[in-house]
Amino acid sequence: MIQIEVVYARPERQWSVDLEIDDGTSAEEATEIARNSERLLWVDDLLVVAYAVWGREVPAEYRLKDGDRLELLRSLPVDPMEARRRKAAAQKD
């Protein structure tokens, strides 16, 4: 068994779940385990588009290691570059 942390964030709130899982569990499998944990049951729109471990993107098949911090990545409502362009244009007016 290994210990990992699964985190999910939205602009207004973030969630963290500590899990004890079987060695060799994939990021995708750990996400399903976390999704059914009491802390994440209340997240009604848990839509994962990618995974990261300690800030580095990993495939869904990535086998987690003891102490990993699995980050569940969501889609951004606006591309960050586009948001900066809009902000710069608004400041010119």
C-alpha atoms as a PDB file:
ATOM      1  CA  MET A   1       0.000   0.000   0.000  1.00  0.00           C
ATOM      2  CA  ILE A   2       1.132   3.551  -0.715  1.00  0.00           C
ATOM      3  CA  GLN A   3       0.028   6.975   0.530  1.00  0.00           C
ATOM      4  CA  ILE A   4      -0.910   9.709  -1.957  1.00  0.00           C
ATOM      5  CA  GLU A   5      -2.724  13.027  -1.931  1.00  0.00           C
ATOM      6  CA  VAL A   6      -5.320  13.895  -4.580  1.00  0.00           C
ATOM      7  CA  VAL A   7      -6.120  17.573  -5.135  1.00  0.00           C
ATOM      8  CA  TYR A   8      -8.745  19.351  -7.214  1.00  0.00           C
ATOM      9  CA  ALA A   9      -9.257  23.094  -7.417  1.00  0.00           C
ATOM     10  CA  ARG A  10     -11.689  25.626  -8.771  1.00  0.00           C
ATOM     11  CA  PRO A  11     -11.237  29.391  -8.523  1.00  0.00           C
ATOM     12  CA  GLU A  12     -13.392  29.644  -5.418  1.00  0.00           C
ATOM     13  CA  ARG A  13     -12.422  26.451  -3.592  1.00  0.00           C
ATOM     14  CA  GLN A  14     -10.030  23.516  -3.499  1.00  0.00           C
ATOM     15  CA  TRP A  15     -10.275  19.972  -2.196  1.00  0.00           C
ATOM     16  CA  SER A  16      -7.635  17.568  -0.959  1.00  0.00           C
ATOM     17  CA  VAL A  17      -8.004  13.879  -0.180  1.00  0.00           C
ATOM     18  CA  ASP A  18      -5.356  11.643   1.384  1.00  0.00           C
ATOM     19  CA  LEU A  19      -5.626   8.074   0.140  1.00  0.00           C
ATOM     20  CA  GLU A  20      -4.014   4.764   0.890  1.00  0.00           C
ATOM     21  CA  ILE A  21      -4.045   2.776  -2.347  1.00  0.00           C
ATOM     22  CA  ASP A  22      -2.481  -0.348  -3.813  1.00  0.00           C
ATOM     23  CA  ASP A  23       1.007  -0.013  -5.219  1.00  0.00           C
ATOM     24  CA  GLY A  24       0.727   0.251  -9.015  1.00  0.00           C
ATOM     25  CA  THR A  25      -2.584   2.138  -9.058  1.00  0.00           C
ATOM     26  CA  SER A  26      -2.869   4.456 -12.082  1.00  0.00           C
ATOM     27  CA  ALA A  27      -3.738   8.156 -11.961  1.00  0.00           C
ATOM     28  CA  GLU A  28      -7.085   7.391 -13.556  1.00  0.00           C
ATOM     29  CA  GLU A  29      -7.888   4.632 -11.050  1.00  0.00           C
ATOM     30  CA  ALA A  30      -6.886   6.837  -8.113  1.00  0.00           C
ATOM     31  CA  THR A  31      -9.176   9.557  -9.460  1.00  0.00           C
ATOM     32  CA  GLU A  32     -12.131   7.174  -9.343  1.00  0.00           C
ATOM     33  CA  ILE A  33     -11.251   6.160  -5.782  1.00  0.00           C
ATOM     34  CA  ALA A  34     -10.976   9.829  -4.771  1.00  0.00           C
ATOM     35  CA  ARG A  35     -14.207  10.723  -6.580  1.00  0.00           C
ATOM     36  CA  ASN A  36     -16.045   8.275  -4.322  1.00  0.00           C
ATOM     37  CA  SER A  37     -14.471   9.607  -1.136  1.00  0.00           C
ATOM     38  CA  GLU A  38     -16.651  11.616   1.196  1.00  0.00           C
ATOM     39  CA  ARG A  39     -14.691  14.842   0.607  1.00  0.00           C
ATOM     40  CA  LEU A  40     -15.200  14.820  -3.174  1.00  0.00           C
ATOM     41  CA  LEU A  41     -18.748  13.472  -3.267  1.00  0.00           C
ATOM     42  CA  TRP A  42     -19.947  17.064  -2.907  1.00  0.00           C
ATOM     43  CA  VAL A  43     -18.129  18.228  -6.050  1.00  0.00           C
ATOM     44  CA  ASP A  44     -20.924  18.024  -8.586  1.00  0.00           C
ATOM     45  CA  ASP A  45     -18.880  18.945 -11.659  1.00  0.00           C
ATOM     46  CA  LEU A  46     -15.633  17.050 -11.189  1.00  0.00           C
ATOM     47  CA  LEU A  47     -14.536  17.094 -14.815  1.00  0.00           C
ATOM     48  CA  VAL A  48     -10.931  15.991 -15.212  1.00  0.00           C
ATOM     49  CA  VAL A  49      -9.218  16.732 -18.524  1.00  0.00           C
ATOM     50  CA  ALA A  50      -5.649  15.841 -17.505  1.00  0.00           C
ATOM     51  CA  TYR A  51      -3.493  14.708 -14.585  1.00  0.00           C
ATOM     52  CA  ALA A  52      -0.320  16.063 -13.019  1.00  0.00           C
ATOM     53  CA  VAL A  53       1.991  14.801 -10.294  1.00  0.00           C
ATOM     54  CA  TRP A  54       3.776  17.554  -8.418  1.00  0.00           C
ATOM     55  CA  GLY A  55       2.989  20.002 -11.250  1.00  0.00           C
ATOM     56  CA  ARG A  56       4.160  17.795 -14.116  1.00  0.00           C
ATOM     57  CA  GLU A  57       1.554  16.459 -16.504  1.00  0.00           C
ATOM     58  CA  VAL A  58       1.314  12.666 -16.592  1.00  0.00           C
ATOM     59  CA  PRO A  59      -0.798  10.252 -18.666  1.00  0.00           C
ATOM     60  CA  ALA A  60      -3.862   8.574 -17.169  1.00  0.00           C
ATOM     61  CA  GLU A  61      -1.905   5.295 -17.088  1.00  0.00           C
ATOM     62  CA  TYR A  62       0.868   6.763 -14.902  1.00  0.00           C
ATOM     63  CA  ARG A  63       1.527   4.431 -11.956  1.00  0.00           C
ATOM     64  CA  LEU A  64       1.543   6.437  -8.741  1.00  0.00           C
ATOM     65  CA  LYS A  65       4.345   6.197  -6.232  1.00  0.00           C
ATOM     66  CA  ASP A  66       4.349   6.572  -2.461  1.00  0.00           C
ATOM     67  CA  GLY A  67       4.104  10.251  -1.515  1.00  0.00           C
ATOM     68  CA  ASP A  68       2.826  11.466  -4.906  1.00  0.00           C
ATOM     69  CA  ARG A  69       0.517  14.477  -5.070  1.00  0.00           C
ATOM     70  CA  LEU A  70      -1.968  13.810  -7.876  1.00  0.00           C
ATOM     71  CA  GLU A  71      -3.468  16.999  -9.285  1.00  0.00           C
ATOM     72  CA  LEU A  72      -6.742  16.689 -11.177  1.00  0.00           C
ATOM     73  CA  LEU A  73      -6.655  19.281 -13.937  1.00  0.00           C
ATOM     74  CA  ARG A  74      -9.800  20.901 -15.288  1.00  0.00           C
ATOM     75  CA  SER A  75     -10.318  22.861 -18.472  1.00  0.00           C
ATOM     76  CA  LEU A  76      -9.859  26.603 -18.195  1.00  0.00           C
ATOM     77  CA  PRO A  77     -12.849  28.789 -19.136  1.00  0.00           C
ATOM     78  CA  VAL A  78     -10.575  31.133 -21.124  1.00  0.00           C
ATOM     79  CA  ASP A  79      -7.118  30.608 -22.577  1.00  0.00           C
ATOM     80  CA  PRO A  80      -4.638  32.493 -20.320  1.00  0.00           C
ATOM     81  CA  MET A  81      -3.080  34.283 -23.294  1.00  0.00           C
ATOM     82  CA  GLU A  82      -6.492  35.422 -24.504  1.00  0.00           C
ATOM     83  CA  ALA A  83      -7.357  36.654 -21.001  1.00  0.00           C
ATOM     84  CA  ARG A  84      -4.169  38.771 -20.957  1.00  0.00           C
ATOM     85  CA  ARG A  85      -4.988  40.214 -24.395  1.00  0.00           C
ATOM     86  CA  ARG A  86      -8.481  41.180 -23.250  1.00  0.00           C
ATOM     87  CA  LYS A  87      -7.127  42.770 -20.084  1.00  0.00           C
ATOM     88  CA  ALA A  88      -4.525  44.757 -22.027  1.00  0.00           C
ATOM     89  CA  ALA A  89      -7.146  45.922 -24.541  1.00  0.00           C
ATOM     90  CA  ALA A  90      -9.475  47.001 -21.735  1.00  0.00           C
ATOM     91  CA  GLN A  91      -6.705  49.018 -20.081  1.00  0.00           C
ATOM     92  CA  LYS A  92      -6.049  50.918 -23.345  1.00  0.00           C
ATOM     93  CA  ASP A  93      -9.646  52.178 -23.488  1.00  0.00           C
END
